[in-house]
Protein backbone atom coordinates (compact mmCIF):
# COMPACT_ATOMS: atom_id res chain seq x y z
CA MET A 1 -0.71 -8.36 12.27
CA GLN A 2 1.03 -6.84 9.29
CA LEU A 3 3.30 -3.78 9.55
CA ASP A 4 3.13 -0.94 7.07
CA ALA A 5 6.02 -0.50 4.67
CA PRO A 6 8.64 1.98 5.88
CA ARG A 7 8.46 5.48 4.44
CA PHE A 8 11.58 7.49 3.58
CA ILE A 9 12.12 11.17 3.27
CA LEU A 10 15.35 12.25 1.62
CA VAL A 11 16.93 15.27 3.28
CA ASP A 12 20.04 17.31 2.64
CA PRO A 13 23.27 16.18 4.34
CA GLY A 14 23.53 17.51 7.85
CA THR A 15 19.78 17.74 8.52
CA PHE A 16 19.75 14.98 11.10
CA ALA A 17 22.88 16.36 12.79
CA ASN A 18 21.22 19.82 12.95
CA TRP A 19 18.16 18.27 14.55
CA LEU A 20 20.34 16.53 17.20
CA ARG A 21 22.12 19.84 17.81
CA THR A 22 18.79 21.59 18.46
CA ARG A 23 17.97 18.90 21.04
CA GLY A 24 21.35 19.27 22.76
CA ARG A 25 22.24 15.73 21.67
CA LEU A 26 25.06 16.32 19.18
CA GLY A 27 28.30 14.66 20.19
CA ASP A 28 30.34 11.47 20.14
CA GLN A 29 28.23 9.63 22.73
CA ASN A 30 24.86 10.36 21.25
CA LYS A 31 23.44 7.78 18.94
CA VAL A 32 20.56 7.56 16.50
CA PRO A 33 17.59 6.54 18.66
CA ARG A 34 16.48 2.94 18.05
CA VAL A 35 13.03 3.63 19.36
CA ILE A 36 11.65 7.12 19.10
CA ASN A 37 8.61 8.40 20.95
CA ASP A 38 5.81 10.19 19.18
CA GLN A 39 6.80 13.67 20.47
CA ALA A 40 10.39 13.34 19.28
CA LEU A 41 9.25 11.89 15.95
CA ALA A 42 6.90 14.83 15.44
CA ASP A 43 9.74 17.23 16.31
CA LEU A 44 12.02 15.50 13.76
CA LYS A 45 9.34 15.74 11.09
CA ARG A 46 8.87 19.49 11.78
CA HIS A 47 12.67 20.02 11.60
CA VAL A 48 12.86 18.14 8.25
CA LEU A 49 9.93 20.07 6.74
CA ALA A 50 11.45 23.35 7.82
CA ALA A 51 14.83 22.38 6.35
CA GLN A 52 13.19 21.48 3.02
CA LYS A 53 11.56 24.92 2.79
CA GLU A 54 14.89 26.73 3.14
């Protein structure tokens, strides 16, 4: 089985922190998720796309 190559989306500084804030996860003890479920990933994608439109 071969994995697809990773895809990257460049975003403005603070975009990921803003997404964490909207989920109530911004703070010293909250880490970048190592494994992210489909729903959270879809939410992050929506947040990134909305931030790019601004």
